[in-house]
């Protein structure tokens, strides 16, 4: 099988380019490639679309049958839904749609059928959309769905049910008996079975059984008697409560202004206590679950501030930081940062802003700074050893930041250079690998001639005019990390 490019140009009735119009091409018959052809496969009926450009031009690639002898019958659906059929002739790589519709029309059972005739068949079969604007007098049987503008019913009662409408009687008739309201602010009130009337606000309150409190403003309520049960006074806006005697049968709840226990102080229990300041007179605050405050400072500078972590179980004493902050905790003096904790995701670190004096033995860890100085020794506390096998050029693997390599026994000839590779995942391409002979030869020199990610190359030179004889050289190495940023 092969494909043919079908080109088209759309014009309006006024011969103006018809832009952004979609044509739908539908393959009506299956196509097959004969077994004697280049391929054996089946093309199933389907749909392809193409849209015209600003100048009305467009194109689409359609498959045509090859050696099978089966005609590729297509149907094109135009923007106005009119349809036409055509056959793609064999051997045509490119062809115009206009040529197909004029010169390559199918015959027999696939004979071209106009959209006008198709519409007549549609009306005869009662399918599709029908226009009723010019329908002659007569009757229409059946029902029309609500979605299509009908009632989905054949009787008035069923139509109201389908549309959710109410018949004009019952309550609607009762309300319809009312005349226009006489004034603004009147209410419609039921006065009996099947009877409504208008009432003024005062009359409506009387009908509802409301007293004079219904007309009092919320900020000026006068209660002259009765009881108040279950009410919260000052829940939204706290204010003074004035009375000759205010007695609580069990306890007071809510805010209390003034001094509690001014005459006879006594112990009390508060579910919640809100205050602008609390002075416990050098007493203790005990059994507190959580203290939320802006700062903690020493009451007496001479005494200072002592925070005691006295949890007895491992893991009880800790300071918990907030996640994903560039500065989750910063120990400062004025604007000077001494120690800052960063919890940014994938960038967690502790930044030491001043000189760090490490006087004791510490566990090895990464230390980053502008200047990292050692007053005595500096180096690695981990390393390893490896012995080269097979030959002097055999690569060795040792994943350690430092170590010792014992080379294969070799006679380094005169004026010779011998290289081998160290595979080490501690090495980055910009690192410095320092190497020296632990055991060597006076005629040999050692250099690192190449560095890559996870490896480096050692080269041993004998620049003299005589060989070294068979020797077993031993090399010490260490990796110094570097940065390009």
Protein backbone atom coordinates (compact mmCIF):
# COMPACT_ATOMS: atom_id res chain seq x y z
CA UNK A 1 0.00 0.00 0.00
CA UNK A 2 1.03 3.62 -0.40
CA UNK A 3 -0.22 7.07 0.46
CA UNK A 4 -1.46 9.96 -1.66
CA UNK A 5 -1.34 13.61 -0.61
CA UNK A 6 -4.71 15.23 -1.32
CA UNK A 7 -4.56 19.04 -1.63
CA UNK A 8 -7.55 21.38 -1.46
CA UNK A 9 -8.39 25.11 -1.54
CA UNK A 10 -11.65 26.32 0.04
CA UNK A 11 -13.51 29.43 -1.21
CA UNK A 12 -16.69 31.07 0.02
CA UNK A 13 -19.62 31.72 -2.31
CA UNK A 14 -18.06 35.12 -2.93
CA UNK A 15 -14.76 33.49 -4.01
CA UNK A 16 -12.98 34.51 -0.80
CA UNK A 17 -10.46 32.23 0.91
CA UNK A 18 -12.26 30.11 3.53
CA UNK A 19 -9.92 29.81 6.54
CA UNK A 20 -10.05 27.50 9.57
CA UNK A 21 -12.58 25.08 8.04
CA UNK A 22 -12.24 21.38 8.88
CA UNK A 23 -12.80 18.63 6.30
CA UNK A 24 -13.39 15.08 7.51
CA UNK A 25 -12.15 12.22 5.30
CA UNK A 26 -13.66 8.80 6.03
CA UNK A 27 -12.25 5.60 4.53
CA UNK A 28 -15.33 3.45 3.82
CA UNK A 29 -13.63 0.23 2.71
CA UNK A 30 -10.81 -1.80 4.22
CA UNK A 31 -7.61 -1.99 2.21
CA UNK A 32 -5.01 -4.78 2.02
CA UNK A 33 -1.52 -5.24 0.55
CA UNK A 34 -1.16 -8.43 -1.53
CA UNK A 35 1.25 -11.08 -0.29
CA UNK A 36 3.35 -10.53 -3.40
CA UNK A 37 3.85 -6.90 -2.45
CA UNK A 38 6.49 -5.33 -0.28
CA UNK A 39 4.41 -5.76 2.88
CA UNK A 40 1.42 -7.75 4.10
CA UNK A 41 -1.00 -5.74 6.25
CA UNK A 42 -4.57 -4.43 6.46
CA UNK A 43 -5.79 -0.81 6.56
CA UNK A 44 -9.10 -0.50 8.44
CA UNK A 45 -11.82 2.07 7.73
CA UNK A 46 -11.34 5.24 9.76
CA UNK A 47 -11.44 9.04 9.86
CA UNK A 48 -8.75 11.68 9.11
CA UNK A 49 -9.31 15.45 9.42
CA UNK A 50 -7.60 18.48 7.87
CA UNK A 51 -8.14 22.22 8.48
CA UNK A 52 -7.70 25.00 5.92
CA UNK A 53 -5.10 27.71 6.48
CA UNK A 54 -5.65 31.46 6.25
CA UNK A 55 -5.48 31.28 2.45
CA UNK A 56 -7.98 28.41 2.33
CA UNK A 57 -5.31 25.83 1.44
CA UNK A 58 -4.98 22.48 3.16
CA UNK A 59 -3.78 18.94 2.59
CA UNK A 60 -4.15 15.47 4.01
CA UNK A 61 -2.27 12.19 3.51
CA UNK A 62 -4.63 9.30 2.62
CA UNK A 63 -3.70 5.65 2.03
CA UNK A 64 -4.47 4.06 -1.32
CA UNK A 65 -4.57 0.36 -2.11
CA UNK A 66 -1.67 -1.27 -3.88
CA UNK A 67 -1.66 -4.67 -5.52
CA UNK A 68 -4.83 -5.87 -3.80
CA UNK A 69 -7.15 -4.46 -6.47
CA UNK A 70 -9.57 -3.22 -3.79
CA UNK A 71 -10.74 0.35 -4.47
CA UNK A 72 -10.06 2.90 -1.69
CA UNK A 73 -13.49 4.57 -1.44
CA UNK A 74 -13.45 7.73 0.71
CA UNK A 75 -16.25 10.02 1.86
CA UNK A 76 -15.43 13.68 2.53
CA UNK A 77 -17.68 15.64 4.92
CA UNK A 78 -17.61 19.38 4.14
CA UNK A 79 -18.01 22.15 6.78
CA UNK A 80 -21.73 22.51 5.93
CA UNK A 81 -22.08 18.74 6.57
CA UNK A 82 -22.61 17.98 2.86
CA UNK A 83 -20.95 14.71 1.86
CA UNK A 84 -19.29 13.41 -1.31
CA UNK A 85 -17.48 10.21 -2.28
CA UNK A 86 -14.34 9.64 -4.35
CA UNK A 87 -11.76 6.96 -5.21
CA UNK A 88 -7.99 7.58 -5.04
CA UNK A 89 -6.49 6.37 -8.35
CA UNK A 90 -3.52 4.00 -8.19
CA UNK A 91 -0.08 5.50 -8.69
CA UNK A 92 -1.01 9.08 -7.67
CA UNK A 93 1.44 10.55 -5.18
CA UNK A 94 -0.34 13.96 -5.15
CA UNK A 95 -3.78 14.95 -6.40
CA UNK A 96 -6.31 17.77 -5.94
CA UNK A 97 -9.57 17.13 -4.03
CA UNK A 98 -11.48 18.94 -6.78
CA UNK A 99 -10.10 16.45 -9.35
CA UNK A 100 -11.16 13.50 -7.17
CA UNK A 101 -14.74 14.81 -6.77
CA UNK A 102 -15.12 15.42 -10.55
CA UNK A 103 -13.13 12.67 -12.25
CA UNK A 104 -12.90 9.83 -9.70
CA UNK A 105 -16.45 9.25 -8.49
CA UNK A 106 -17.27 5.65 -7.44
CA UNK A 107 -19.92 3.59 -9.23
CA UNK A 108 -22.13 0.63 -8.40
CA UNK A 109 -23.05 0.26 -4.74
CA UNK A 110 -20.79 3.20 -3.92
CA UNK A 111 -22.46 5.62 -6.38
CA UNK A 112 -22.28 9.28 -5.31
CA UNK A 113 -25.27 10.36 -3.22
CA UNK A 114 -26.00 14.08 -2.70
CA UNK A 115 -26.70 15.54 0.71
CA UNK A 116 -30.13 16.75 -0.48
CA UNK A 117 -31.16 13.18 -1.23
CA UNK A 118 -29.65 12.08 2.07
CA UNK A 119 -31.79 14.67 3.90
CA UNK A 120 -34.92 13.33 2.21
CA UNK A 121 -34.04 9.82 3.41
CA UNK A 122 -33.45 11.22 6.87
CA UNK A 123 -36.91 12.78 7.03
CA UNK A 124 -38.49 9.55 5.71
CA UNK A 125 -36.77 7.54 8.43
CA UNK A 126 -37.57 10.14 11.14
CA UNK A 127 -33.89 10.54 12.07
CA UNK A 128 -31.70 13.61 12.63
CA UNK A 129 -32.89 17.21 13.15
CA UNK A 130 -36.13 18.35 11.45
CA UNK A 131 -37.12 22.02 10.86
CA UNK A 132 -40.76 22.70 11.84
CA UNK A 133 -40.96 26.42 10.86
CA UNK A 134 -42.98 25.77 7.70
CA UNK A 135 -44.76 22.56 8.78
CA UNK A 136 -48.33 22.58 7.30
CA UNK A 137 -51.39 22.28 9.48
CA UNK A 138 -51.93 18.80 10.83
CA UNK A 139 -50.91 16.70 13.79
CA UNK A 140 -47.66 15.30 15.14
CA UNK A 141 -47.75 12.10 17.11
CA UNK A 142 -45.25 11.00 19.74
CA UNK A 143 -43.29 13.19 22.20
CA UNK A 144 -40.38 15.64 21.89
CA UNK A 145 -37.61 15.53 24.52
CA UNK A 146 -37.09 18.52 26.83
CA UNK A 147 -33.49 18.80 25.58
CA UNK A 148 -34.88 19.40 22.06
CA UNK A 149 -37.38 22.05 23.16
CA UNK A 150 -40.33 19.77 23.96
CA UNK A 151 -42.08 18.59 27.11
CA UNK A 152 -41.44 14.84 26.78
CA UNK A 153 -45.18 14.38 27.39
CA UNK A 154 -48.51 14.12 25.55
CA UNK A 155 -50.79 15.59 28.28
CA UNK A 156 -50.76 18.85 30.25
CA UNK A 157 -50.40 17.02 33.57
CA UNK A 158 -47.49 14.90 32.34
CA UNK A 159 -45.88 18.01 30.78
CA UNK A 160 -45.99 19.87 34.13
CA UNK A 161 -44.43 16.87 35.85
CA UNK A 162 -41.71 16.65 33.21
CA UNK A 163 -40.96 20.38 33.42
CA UNK A 164 -41.32 20.59 37.23
CA UNK A 165 -44.14 23.18 36.85
CA UNK A 166 -47.13 23.76 39.17
CA UNK A 167 -50.72 24.00 38.01
CA UNK A 168 -52.26 27.41 38.63
CA UNK A 169 -54.59 26.52 41.50
CA UNK A 170 -54.38 25.65 45.19
CA UNK A 171 -51.84 27.96 46.89
CA UNK A 172 -51.22 29.95 43.73
CA UNK A 173 -54.93 30.75 43.50
CA UNK A 174 -54.96 31.75 47.19
CA UNK A 175 -52.02 34.09 46.69
CA UNK A 176 -53.57 35.42 43.52
CA UNK A 177 -56.51 36.70 45.61
CA UNK A 178 -54.22 39.27 47.29
CA UNK A 179 -54.24 42.78 45.95
CA UNK A 180 -51.14 44.96 45.65
CA UNK A 181 -49.46 45.80 49.04
CA UNK A 182 -50.49 49.12 50.53
CA UNK A 183 -47.02 50.12 51.75
CA UNK A 184 -43.39 49.07 52.08
CA UNK A 185 -42.43 46.60 54.82
CA UNK A 186 -45.59 44.47 54.82
CA UNK A 187 -45.48 40.69 55.23
CA UNK A 188 -47.70 37.98 53.73
CA UNK A 189 -49.11 35.95 56.64
CA UNK A 190 -51.47 32.97 56.61
CA UNK A 191 -54.64 33.81 58.54
CA UNK A 192 -56.40 30.48 58.13
CA UNK A 193 -56.96 27.59 55.76
CA UNK A 194 -56.58 28.89 52.19
CA UNK A 195 -56.36 32.56 53.31
CA UNK A 196 -53.47 35.07 53.20
CA UNK A 197 -53.29 38.76 54.11
CA UNK A 198 -50.77 41.57 54.42
CA UNK A 199 -49.62 42.58 57.90
CA UNK A 200 -47.42 45.42 59.16
CA UNK A 201 -44.23 44.72 61.11
CA UNK A 202 -45.92 45.35 64.46
CA UNK A 203 -48.89 43.12 63.60
CA UNK A 204 -46.54 40.38 62.28
CA UNK A 205 -44.54 40.46 65.55
CA UNK A 206 -47.77 40.03 67.50
CA UNK A 207 -48.77 37.14 65.24
CA UNK A 208 -45.38 35.52 65.89
CA UNK A 209 -45.65 36.08 69.64
CA UNK A 210 -42.61 38.39 69.87
CA UNK A 211 -42.25 40.87 72.73
CA UNK A 212 -40.64 44.32 72.84
CA UNK A 213 -37.10 42.87 72.91
CA UNK A 214 -37.53 42.11 69.20
CA UNK A 215 -37.31 45.86 68.45
CA UNK A 216 -34.25 46.63 70.63
CA UNK A 217 -30.87 47.28 69.01
CA UNK A 218 -28.12 44.70 69.66
CA UNK A 219 -25.95 47.32 71.36
CA UNK A 220 -28.75 48.66 73.58
CA UNK A 221 -30.74 45.80 75.12
CA UNK A 222 -32.70 46.41 78.32
CA UNK A 223 -33.57 43.24 80.26
CA UNK A 224 -35.69 43.99 83.31
CA UNK A 225 -36.46 40.50 84.53
CA UNK A 226 -36.33 36.81 83.93
CA UNK A 227 -33.31 34.51 83.79
CA UNK A 228 -30.37 34.11 81.36
CA UNK A 229 -29.19 30.53 80.99
CA UNK A 230 -26.20 29.23 79.01
CA UNK A 231 -25.17 32.65 77.64
CA UNK A 232 -21.56 33.84 77.18
CA UNK A 233 -21.08 37.49 78.09
CA UNK A 234 -18.23 39.19 76.23
CA UNK A 235 -17.50 36.25 73.95
CA UNK A 236 -16.78 38.48 70.92
CA UNK A 237 -16.07 41.89 72.53
CA UNK A 238 -15.06 41.79 76.19
CA UNK A 239 -16.54 44.62 78.28
CA UNK A 240 -17.14 45.48 81.92
CA UNK A 241 -19.99 43.76 83.77
CA UNK A 242 -21.42 46.04 86.46
CA UNK A 243 -23.53 44.89 89.34
CA UNK A 244 -23.99 45.36 93.07
CA UNK A 245 -23.25 41.71 93.71
CA UNK A 246 -22.07 39.14 91.16
CA UNK A 247 -22.19 35.63 92.59
CA UNK A 248 -20.93 32.45 90.98
CA UNK A 249 -22.33 29.20 92.35
CA UNK A 250 -19.18 27.24 91.38
CA UNK A 251 -16.66 29.33 89.46
CA UNK A 252 -16.21 32.24 87.05
CA UNK A 253 -15.45 31.39 83.41
CA UNK A 254 -13.92 33.73 80.88
CA UNK A 255 -12.02 37.00 81.42
CA UNK A 256 -11.85 38.67 84.84
CA UNK A 257 -10.37 42.19 84.99
CA UNK A 258 -8.71 43.54 88.11
CA UNK A 259 -6.99 41.76 91.01
CA UNK A 260 -8.19 38.29 91.97
CA UNK A 261 -7.55 37.51 95.64
CA UNK A 262 -6.39 41.05 96.43
CA UNK A 263 -7.61 40.80 100.03
CA UNK A 264 -7.15 37.09 100.64
CA UNK A 265 -4.87 35.48 98.00
CA UNK A 266 -5.42 31.77 97.53
CA UNK A 267 -4.52 29.04 95.10
CA UNK A 268 -6.66 28.81 92.00
CA UNK A 269 -6.98 26.70 88.89
CA UNK A 270 -7.47 28.35 85.52
CA UNK A 271 -8.42 26.41 82.39
CA UNK A 272 -7.07 29.29 80.31
CA UNK A 273 -5.35 32.46 81.48
CA UNK A 274 -4.93 35.54 79.27
CA UNK A 275 -2.86 38.45 80.54
CA UNK A 276 -0.59 41.20 79.26
CA UNK A 277 2.00 40.28 81.92
CA UNK A 278 2.44 37.79 84.75
CA UNK A 279 4.77 38.27 87.74
CA UNK A 280 5.23 35.15 89.84
CA UNK A 281 7.60 36.90 92.31
CA UNK A 282 10.57 34.56 91.74
CA UNK A 283 8.26 31.57 92.00
CA UNK A 284 8.22 28.66 89.60
CA UNK A 285 6.02 27.83 86.63
CA UNK A 286 5.63 24.07 86.71
CA UNK A 287 3.84 21.31 84.83
CA UNK A 288 3.59 23.38 81.61
CA UNK A 289 2.87 21.49 78.42
CA UNK A 290 3.92 24.10 75.86
CA UNK A 291 5.05 27.72 76.29
CA UNK A 292 4.53 29.96 73.23
CA UNK A 293 6.48 33.20 73.53
CA UNK A 294 8.49 35.65 71.45
CA UNK A 295 11.66 35.64 73.58
CA UNK A 296 13.21 34.34 76.81
CA UNK A 297 15.71 36.53 78.67
CA UNK A 298 17.39 36.64 82.07
CA UNK A 299 15.45 38.43 84.83
CA UNK A 300 18.74 39.46 86.47
CA UNK A 301 21.77 39.98 84.23
CA UNK A 302 24.06 39.24 87.16
CA UNK A 303 22.40 35.84 87.61
CA UNK A 304 22.25 35.10 83.89
CA UNK A 305 20.04 32.54 82.15
CA UNK A 306 20.47 28.80 82.58
CA UNK A 307 18.50 26.42 80.36
CA UNK A 308 18.69 22.94 81.85
CA UNK A 309 18.09 19.86 79.70
CA UNK A 310 17.47 17.31 82.43
CA UNK A 311 15.68 14.52 80.55
CA UNK A 312 16.82 11.14 81.84
CA UNK A 313 16.19 9.08 78.67
CA UNK A 314 18.23 9.17 75.48
CA UNK A 315 16.52 11.36 72.89
CA UNK A 316 14.47 13.37 75.43
CA UNK A 317 16.70 16.46 75.29
CA UNK A 318 16.63 18.14 71.90
CA UNK A 319 16.00 21.37 70.00
CA UNK A 320 13.60 20.83 67.10
CA UNK A 321 14.01 23.08 64.04
CA UNK A 322 11.50 23.96 61.32
CA UNK A 323 12.04 22.17 58.01
CA UNK A 324 13.09 23.85 54.72
CA UNK A 325 14.37 27.19 56.05
CA UNK A 326 17.55 28.95 54.94
CA UNK A 327 18.05 30.02 58.58
CA UNK A 328 16.13 27.71 60.90
CA UNK A 329 18.24 28.70 63.95
CA UNK A 330 20.83 31.47 64.14
CA UNK A 331 23.01 32.12 67.19
CA UNK A 332 24.01 35.79 66.93
CA UNK A 333 25.56 38.73 68.72
CA UNK A 334 24.10 41.91 67.27
CA UNK A 335 24.36 41.36 63.49
CA UNK A 336 27.18 38.82 63.81
CA UNK A 337 26.16 35.21 63.12
CA UNK A 338 28.20 32.71 65.11
CA UNK A 339 26.33 29.50 64.32
CA UNK A 340 23.49 29.09 61.80
CA UNK A 341 21.47 25.96 61.02
CA UNK A 342 20.06 25.63 57.49
CA UNK A 343 17.25 23.10 56.91
CA UNK A 344 16.63 23.82 53.22
CA UNK A 345 15.64 20.58 51.47
CA UNK A 346 18.73 18.91 49.90
CA UNK A 347 20.85 21.78 51.27
CA UNK A 348 20.93 21.08 54.99
CA UNK A 349 24.06 22.39 56.72
CA UNK A 350 25.50 24.10 59.77
CA UNK A 351 27.27 27.38 58.97
CA UNK A 352 29.99 28.45 61.41
CA UNK A 353 30.40 32.20 61.06
CA UNK A 354 33.43 32.65 63.36
CA UNK A 355 36.69 30.85 64.10
CA UNK A 356 36.18 27.28 65.33
CA UNK A 357 38.59 25.88 67.91
CA UNK A 358 38.36 22.09 67.99
CA UNK A 359 40.57 21.10 70.91
CA UNK A 360 39.59 17.46 71.36
CA UNK A 361 39.41 14.35 69.23
CA UNK A 362 36.48 14.47 66.81
CA UNK A 363 34.78 12.09 64.44
CA UNK A 364 35.72 12.74 60.83
CA UNK A 365 33.20 14.80 58.88
CA UNK A 366 33.12 17.29 56.02
CA UNK A 367 34.40 20.77 56.98
CA UNK A 368 33.85 23.65 54.54
CA UNK A 369 35.21 27.15 55.03
CA UNK A 370 37.21 29.97 53.54
CA UNK A 371 40.21 28.92 55.62
CA UNK A 372 40.48 25.50 57.26
CA UNK A 373 43.68 25.39 59.31
CA UNK A 374 45.22 22.61 61.37
CA UNK A 375 47.62 23.52 64.19
CA UNK A 376 49.23 20.06 64.14
CA UNK A 377 48.27 17.29 61.69
CA UNK A 378 45.77 17.20 58.84
CA UNK A 379 44.76 14.16 56.84
CA UNK A 380 42.42 11.21 56.48
CA UNK A 381 41.59 8.69 59.14
CA UNK A 382 40.38 6.15 56.55
CA UNK A 383 42.25 4.51 53.67
CA UNK A 384 43.12 1.18 52.10
CA UNK A 385 45.67 -0.93 50.26
CA UNK A 386 45.66 -2.69 46.88
CA UNK A 387 48.16 -4.90 45.00
CA UNK A 388 48.42 -4.69 41.23
CA UNK A 389 47.99 -7.95 39.37
CA UNK A 390 48.88 -9.38 35.93
CA UNK A 391 51.20 -6.57 34.71
CA UNK A 392 52.58 -3.10 35.46
CA UNK A 393 49.83 -1.52 33.24
CA UNK A 394 46.88 -3.36 34.84
CA UNK A 395 44.28 -0.98 36.34
CA UNK A 396 43.66 -1.15 40.10
CA UNK A 397 40.48 -0.27 42.04
CA UNK A 398 40.44 1.20 45.54
CA UNK A 399 37.48 3.35 46.73
CA UNK A 400 39.20 5.24 49.56
CA UNK A 401 40.28 8.88 50.01
CA UNK A 402 43.85 7.71 50.58
CA UNK A 403 45.82 4.50 50.36
CA UNK A 404 48.83 2.45 49.33
CA UNK A 405 49.29 0.71 45.94
CA UNK A 406 51.83 -2.14 45.60
CA UNK A 407 52.80 -2.41 41.92
CA UNK A 408 53.49 -5.53 39.89
CA UNK A 409 57.22 -6.34 39.75
CA UNK A 410 58.73 -4.74 36.65
CA UNK A 411 62.01 -3.78 34.98
CA UNK A 412 61.56 -0.15 33.91
CA UNK A 413 63.66 0.17 30.75
CA UNK A 414 65.79 3.13 29.80
CA UNK A 415 63.98 6.27 28.63
CA UNK A 416 60.60 4.62 29.26
CA UNK A 417 57.23 5.81 30.53
CA UNK A 418 54.79 3.32 32.05
CA UNK A 419 51.17 4.24 33.01
CA UNK A 420 48.30 2.55 34.83
CA UNK A 421 44.82 3.64 36.02
CA UNK A 422 43.49 3.93 39.58
CA UNK A 423 39.68 3.51 39.70
CA UNK A 424 38.36 5.35 42.77
CA UNK A 425 34.84 6.72 43.25
CA UNK A 426 36.18 9.38 45.66
CA UNK A 427 37.90 11.16 42.74
CA UNK A 428 36.19 13.99 40.88
CA UNK A 429 37.57 15.48 37.70
CA UNK A 430 38.67 18.72 39.40
CA UNK A 431 40.33 17.06 42.40
CA UNK A 432 44.06 16.97 43.11
CA UNK A 433 45.56 13.51 43.61
CA UNK A 434 48.85 13.66 45.50
CA UNK A 435 51.20 10.66 45.08
CA UNK A 436 54.70 9.70 46.20
CA UNK A 437 56.90 6.61 46.35
CA UNK A 438 56.82 4.60 49.54
CA UNK A 439 59.28 2.25 47.84
CA UNK A 440 60.76 3.30 44.51
CA UNK A 441 64.02 3.62 42.62
CA UNK A 442 66.50 6.43 42.21
CA UNK A 443 65.99 6.37 38.42
CA UNK A 444 62.17 6.61 38.61
CA UNK A 445 59.86 9.63 38.87
CA UNK A 446 56.12 9.50 39.59
CA UNK A 447 53.42 11.88 38.35
CA UNK A 448 49.60 11.96 38.04
CA UNK A 449 49.09 12.63 34.33
CA UNK A 450 45.27 12.61 34.14
CA UNK A 451 42.26 13.02 36.44
CA UNK A 452 38.64 12.10 35.60
CA UNK A 453 35.46 11.39 37.50
CA UNK A 454 36.12 8.19 39.52
CA UNK A 455 39.67 7.61 38.20
CA UNK A 456 43.16 9.01 37.64
CA UNK A 457 46.30 7.92 35.74
CA UNK A 458 49.75 7.41 37.32
CA UNK A 459 52.85 7.51 35.07
CA UNK A 460 56.31 6.24 36.10
CA UNK A 461 59.27 7.66 34.13
CA UNK A 462 62.79 6.32 33.75
CA UNK A 463 64.62 9.10 31.92
CA UNK A 464 68.02 7.46 32.29
CA UNK A 465 69.94 5.39 29.78
CA UNK A 466 69.73 2.13 31.74
CA UNK A 467 66.98 -0.06 33.12
CA UNK A 468 66.09 -0.34 36.78
CA UNK A 469 66.08 -4.10 36.91
CA UNK A 470 63.06 -5.92 38.33
CA UNK A 471 61.67 -3.90 41.27
CA UNK A 472 58.37 -3.81 43.18
CA UNK A 473 57.42 -0.14 43.60
CA UNK A 474 54.95 0.97 46.29
CA UNK A 475 52.97 4.24 45.92
CA UNK A 476 51.24 6.35 48.60
CA UNK A 477 48.33 8.58 47.43
CA UNK A 478 45.78 11.00 48.87
CA UNK A 479 42.88 12.92 47.29
CA UNK A 480 42.48 16.67 47.89
CA UNK A 481 38.94 17.89 47.09
CA UNK A 482 38.59 21.09 45.07
CA UNK A 483 35.71 23.30 43.97
CA UNK A 484 35.13 25.43 40.87
CA UNK A 485 32.48 27.63 42.51
